[in-house]
N, C-alpha and C. Protein backbone atom coordinates (compact mmCIF):
# COMPACT_ATOMS: atom_id res chain seq x y z
N MET A 1 -54.81 -78.77 110.34
CA MET A 1 -55.33 -79.89 110.81
C MET A 1 -54.32 -80.97 110.11
N LYS A 2 -53.52 -81.67 110.77
CA LYS A 2 -52.80 -82.89 110.41
C LYS A 2 -53.25 -84.24 110.78
N MET A 3 -53.40 -85.25 110.06
CA MET A 3 -53.40 -86.72 110.49
C MET A 3 -52.73 -87.37 109.57
N GLN A 4 -52.05 -88.44 110.10
CA GLN A 4 -51.61 -89.55 109.71
C GLN A 4 -52.25 -90.48 108.90
N ILE A 5 -51.84 -91.14 107.81
CA ILE A 5 -52.85 -91.89 106.89
C ILE A 5 -51.88 -92.77 106.31
N LYS A 6 -52.20 -93.93 105.83
CA LYS A 6 -51.50 -95.08 104.89
C LYS A 6 -52.71 -95.20 103.74
N ILE A 7 -51.99 -95.23 102.66
CA ILE A 7 -52.67 -95.50 101.38
C ILE A 7 -52.76 -96.87 101.09
N GLY A 8 -51.29 -97.29 101.01
CA GLY A 8 -51.04 -98.60 100.74
C GLY A 8 -50.73 -99.25 99.39
N ASN A 9 -51.48 -99.21 98.66
CA ASN A 9 -51.32 -100.04 97.09
C ASN A 9 -52.08 -99.16 96.12
N PHE A 10 -51.98 -99.31 94.92
CA PHE A 10 -52.07 -98.61 93.77
C PHE A 10 -53.97 -98.32 93.86
N ASP A 11 -54.38 -99.47 93.90
CA ASP A 11 -55.86 -99.37 93.86
C ASP A 11 -56.21 -98.25 94.88
N ARG A 12 -55.80 -98.44 95.84
CA ARG A 12 -56.09 -97.43 96.78
C ARG A 12 -55.53 -95.86 96.71
N VAL A 13 -54.60 -95.97 96.16
CA VAL A 13 -54.24 -94.17 95.50
C VAL A 13 -55.24 -93.48 94.75
N LYS A 14 -55.99 -94.66 93.79
CA LYS A 14 -56.92 -94.33 92.84
C LYS A 14 -58.39 -93.44 93.89
N GLU A 15 -58.38 -94.56 95.00
CA GLU A 15 -59.99 -94.39 95.65
C GLU A 15 -59.73 -93.25 96.61
N PHE A 16 -58.15 -92.98 97.05
CA PHE A 16 -57.90 -91.92 97.78
C PHE A 16 -58.25 -90.34 97.04
N VAL A 17 -57.88 -90.43 95.69
CA VAL A 17 -57.84 -89.27 94.90
C VAL A 17 -59.11 -89.03 94.44
N GLU A 18 -60.48 -89.80 94.58
CA GLU A 18 -61.59 -89.78 94.41
C GLU A 18 -62.12 -89.27 95.52
N LEU A 19 -61.66 -89.75 96.88
CA LEU A 19 -62.53 -89.08 97.72
C LEU A 19 -62.18 -87.55 98.07
N VAL A 20 -61.03 -87.44 97.57
CA VAL A 20 -60.40 -85.98 98.16
C VAL A 20 -60.35 -84.67 96.93
N ARG A 21 -60.65 -85.34 95.88
CA ARG A 21 -60.63 -84.33 94.66
C ARG A 21 -61.87 -83.24 94.86
N TYR A 22 -62.69 -83.18 95.21
CA TYR A 22 -63.78 -82.16 95.37
C TYR A 22 -63.53 -81.28 96.68
N PHE A 23 -62.49 -81.59 97.18
CA PHE A 23 -62.36 -80.56 98.62
C PHE A 23 -61.74 -79.12 97.90
N ASP A 24 -62.48 -78.10 98.28
CA ASP A 24 -61.89 -77.08 98.08
C ASP A 24 -60.62 -76.48 98.70
N SER A 25 -60.49 -76.84 99.90
CA SER A 25 -58.94 -76.72 100.81
C SER A 25 -57.92 -77.28 100.00
N ASP A 26 -56.85 -76.89 100.56
CA ASP A 26 -55.49 -77.24 100.00
C ASP A 26 -55.45 -78.65 100.95
N LEU A 27 -55.27 -79.65 100.21
CA LEU A 27 -54.37 -80.88 100.90
C LEU A 27 -53.10 -81.10 100.28
N PHE A 28 -52.33 -81.48 101.46
CA PHE A 28 -50.76 -81.88 101.10
C PHE A 28 -50.69 -83.31 101.88
N LEU A 29 -49.75 -84.11 101.16
CA LEU A 29 -49.57 -85.23 101.54
C LEU A 29 -47.75 -85.07 102.07
N LYS A 30 -47.10 -85.57 103.40
CA LYS A 30 -45.74 -85.43 103.30
C LYS A 30 -45.41 -86.57 103.80
N HIS A 31 -44.18 -86.64 103.08
CA HIS A 31 -43.15 -87.89 103.19
C HIS A 31 -41.95 -87.64 103.51
N GLY A 32 -41.21 -87.50 104.78
CA GLY A 32 -39.87 -87.07 104.63
C GLY A 32 -39.89 -85.55 104.45
N ARG A 33 -39.01 -85.34 103.58
CA ARG A 33 -38.99 -83.51 103.24
C ARG A 33 -39.64 -83.48 102.01
N TYR A 34 -40.51 -84.41 101.32
CA TYR A 34 -41.30 -84.26 100.00
C TYR A 34 -42.70 -83.77 100.68
N VAL A 35 -43.37 -82.87 99.79
CA VAL A 35 -44.67 -82.12 100.21
C VAL A 35 -45.32 -82.47 98.83
N ILE A 36 -46.35 -83.32 98.75
CA ILE A 36 -47.16 -83.20 97.43
C ILE A 36 -48.71 -82.80 97.52
N ASP A 37 -48.93 -82.56 96.27
CA ASP A 37 -50.39 -81.96 96.53
C ASP A 37 -51.17 -83.09 96.03
N ALA A 38 -52.27 -83.46 97.41
CA ALA A 38 -52.58 -84.76 97.96
C ALA A 38 -53.93 -84.94 96.74
N GLN A 39 -54.11 -84.12 95.89
CA GLN A 39 -55.31 -84.38 94.91
C GLN A 39 -54.57 -84.82 93.52
N SER A 40 -53.44 -84.95 93.61
CA SER A 40 -52.71 -85.21 92.60
C SER A 40 -52.27 -86.71 92.33
N ILE A 41 -52.86 -87.36 91.27
CA ILE A 41 -52.51 -88.92 91.45
C ILE A 41 -50.92 -89.30 91.02
N MET A 42 -50.83 -88.15 90.03
CA MET A 42 -49.23 -88.59 89.68
C MET A 42 -48.09 -88.03 90.92
N GLY A 43 -48.49 -87.00 91.31
CA GLY A 43 -47.72 -86.78 92.72
C GLY A 43 -47.74 -87.91 93.68
N ILE A 44 -48.92 -88.34 94.34
CA ILE A 44 -48.82 -89.55 95.05
C ILE A 44 -48.03 -90.61 94.38
N LEU A 45 -48.07 -90.75 92.99
CA LEU A 45 -47.31 -91.91 92.44
C LEU A 45 -46.00 -91.84 92.79
N SER A 46 -45.48 -90.54 92.65
CA SER A 46 -43.66 -90.01 92.91
C SER A 46 -43.48 -90.32 94.40
N ILE A 47 -44.30 -90.81 95.27
CA ILE A 47 -43.64 -90.79 97.07
C ILE A 47 -44.14 -92.42 97.10
N SER A 48 -43.84 -92.78 98.37
CA SER A 48 -43.71 -93.89 98.76
C SER A 48 -45.12 -94.14 99.74
N PHE A 49 -45.81 -94.60 98.71
CA PHE A 49 -47.46 -94.51 99.20
C PHE A 49 -47.55 -95.66 100.06
N ASP A 50 -46.98 -96.69 100.11
CA ASP A 50 -47.20 -97.76 100.76
C ASP A 50 -46.60 -97.56 102.50
N LYS A 51 -46.25 -96.24 102.80
CA LYS A 51 -45.93 -95.76 104.20
C LYS A 51 -46.66 -95.22 104.78
N VAL A 52 -46.35 -94.60 105.79
CA VAL A 52 -47.29 -93.64 106.83
C VAL A 52 -47.28 -92.26 106.29
N LEU A 53 -48.19 -91.57 105.83
CA LEU A 53 -47.66 -90.16 105.36
C LEU A 53 -48.55 -89.25 106.43
N GLU A 54 -48.32 -87.97 106.61
CA GLU A 54 -48.88 -87.17 106.98
C GLU A 54 -49.89 -86.32 106.14
N LEU A 55 -51.14 -86.40 106.20
CA LEU A 55 -51.89 -85.71 105.35
C LEU A 55 -52.52 -84.39 106.04
N GLU A 56 -52.12 -83.14 105.51
CA GLU A 56 -52.34 -81.87 106.04
C GLU A 56 -53.31 -81.26 105.19
N ILE A 57 -54.59 -80.45 106.02
CA ILE A 57 -55.69 -79.54 105.25
C ILE A 57 -55.41 -78.18 105.79
N ILE A 58 -55.43 -77.26 104.47
CA ILE A 58 -55.19 -76.01 104.88
C ILE A 58 -56.84 -75.94 104.61
N GLU A 59 -57.60 -75.48 105.45
CA GLU A 59 -59.11 -75.31 105.28
C GLU A 59 -59.51 -73.89 104.65
N LYS A 60 -60.37 -74.22 103.43
CA LYS A 60 -60.83 -73.09 102.74
C LYS A 60 -62.46 -72.75 102.90
N SER A 61 -62.96 -74.11 103.33
CA SER A 61 -64.47 -73.83 103.26
C SER A 61 -64.53 -74.63 104.89
N ALA A 62 -65.51 -73.72 105.44
CA ALA A 62 -65.93 -74.48 106.74
C ALA A 62 -66.30 -75.84 106.69
N GLY A 63 -65.73 -76.83 107.60
CA GLY A 63 -66.31 -78.15 107.94
C GLY A 63 -65.35 -78.87 107.08
N GLU A 64 -64.81 -78.69 106.23
CA GLU A 64 -64.04 -79.59 105.35
C GLU A 64 -62.84 -80.56 106.25
N LYS A 65 -62.10 -79.96 107.32
CA LYS A 65 -61.48 -80.62 107.98
C LYS A 65 -62.22 -81.85 108.81
N ASP A 66 -63.31 -81.50 109.18
CA ASP A 66 -64.17 -82.61 110.04
C ASP A 66 -64.68 -83.84 108.71
N LYS A 67 -64.99 -83.22 107.70
CA LYS A 67 -65.18 -84.27 106.49
C LYS A 67 -64.40 -84.99 106.39
N LEU A 68 -63.20 -84.42 105.90
CA LEU A 68 -62.01 -85.15 105.41
C LEU A 68 -61.42 -86.22 106.64
N HIS A 69 -61.58 -85.78 107.81
CA HIS A 69 -61.23 -86.87 108.85
C HIS A 69 -62.09 -87.94 108.79
N LEU A 70 -63.36 -87.52 108.90
CA LEU A 70 -64.40 -88.89 108.87
C LEU A 70 -64.07 -90.02 107.70
N LEU A 71 -64.19 -89.01 106.14
CA LEU A 71 -63.75 -90.12 105.05
C LEU A 71 -62.55 -90.63 105.46
N MET A 72 -61.56 -90.24 106.01
CA MET A 72 -60.40 -91.00 105.86
C MET A 72 -60.30 -92.41 107.03
N LYS A 73 -61.13 -91.99 108.03
CA LYS A 73 -61.84 -93.17 109.10
C LYS A 73 -62.28 -93.90 108.19
N GLU A 74 -63.77 -93.85 108.03
CA GLU A 74 -64.34 -94.29 106.74
C GLU A 74 -63.73 -95.50 105.76
N HIS A 75 -62.62 -94.87 105.28
CA HIS A 75 -62.52 -95.76 104.01
C HIS A 75 -60.86 -96.49 104.63
N GLY A 76 -60.76 -96.66 105.78
CA GLY A 76 -59.44 -97.18 106.42
C GLY A 76 -58.46 -96.39 106.26
N PHE A 77 -58.13 -95.23 105.67
CA PHE A 77 -56.82 -94.90 105.65
C PHE A 77 -56.44 -94.13 106.59
N LEU A 78 -57.04 -93.77 107.81
CA LEU A 78 -56.60 -93.11 109.04
C LEU A 78 -55.68 -94.47 109.82
N VAL A 79 -54.40 -93.74 110.27
CA VAL A 79 -53.43 -94.45 110.94
C VAL A 79 -53.79 -93.88 112.52
N ASP A 80 -54.24 -95.27 113.52
CA ASP A 80 -54.81 -94.74 114.67
C ASP A 80 -53.45 -94.40 115.23
């Protein structure tokens, strides 16, 4: 599952990582040709987190993709 998100600023990076750090599934952020671990604060800081990014989840535990989508929407990361 893929979705478009926008993190925005440094404080939001910390909030984003706190939300996704407990997922068992593999989470990746893509920006152009760069692909990074979405659970890595250092990785996120190495890309343009103020741009629209593609968030991909490779689900390992049932229901995590739906939970992730809901969290992104509730916390204002999801781009419509």
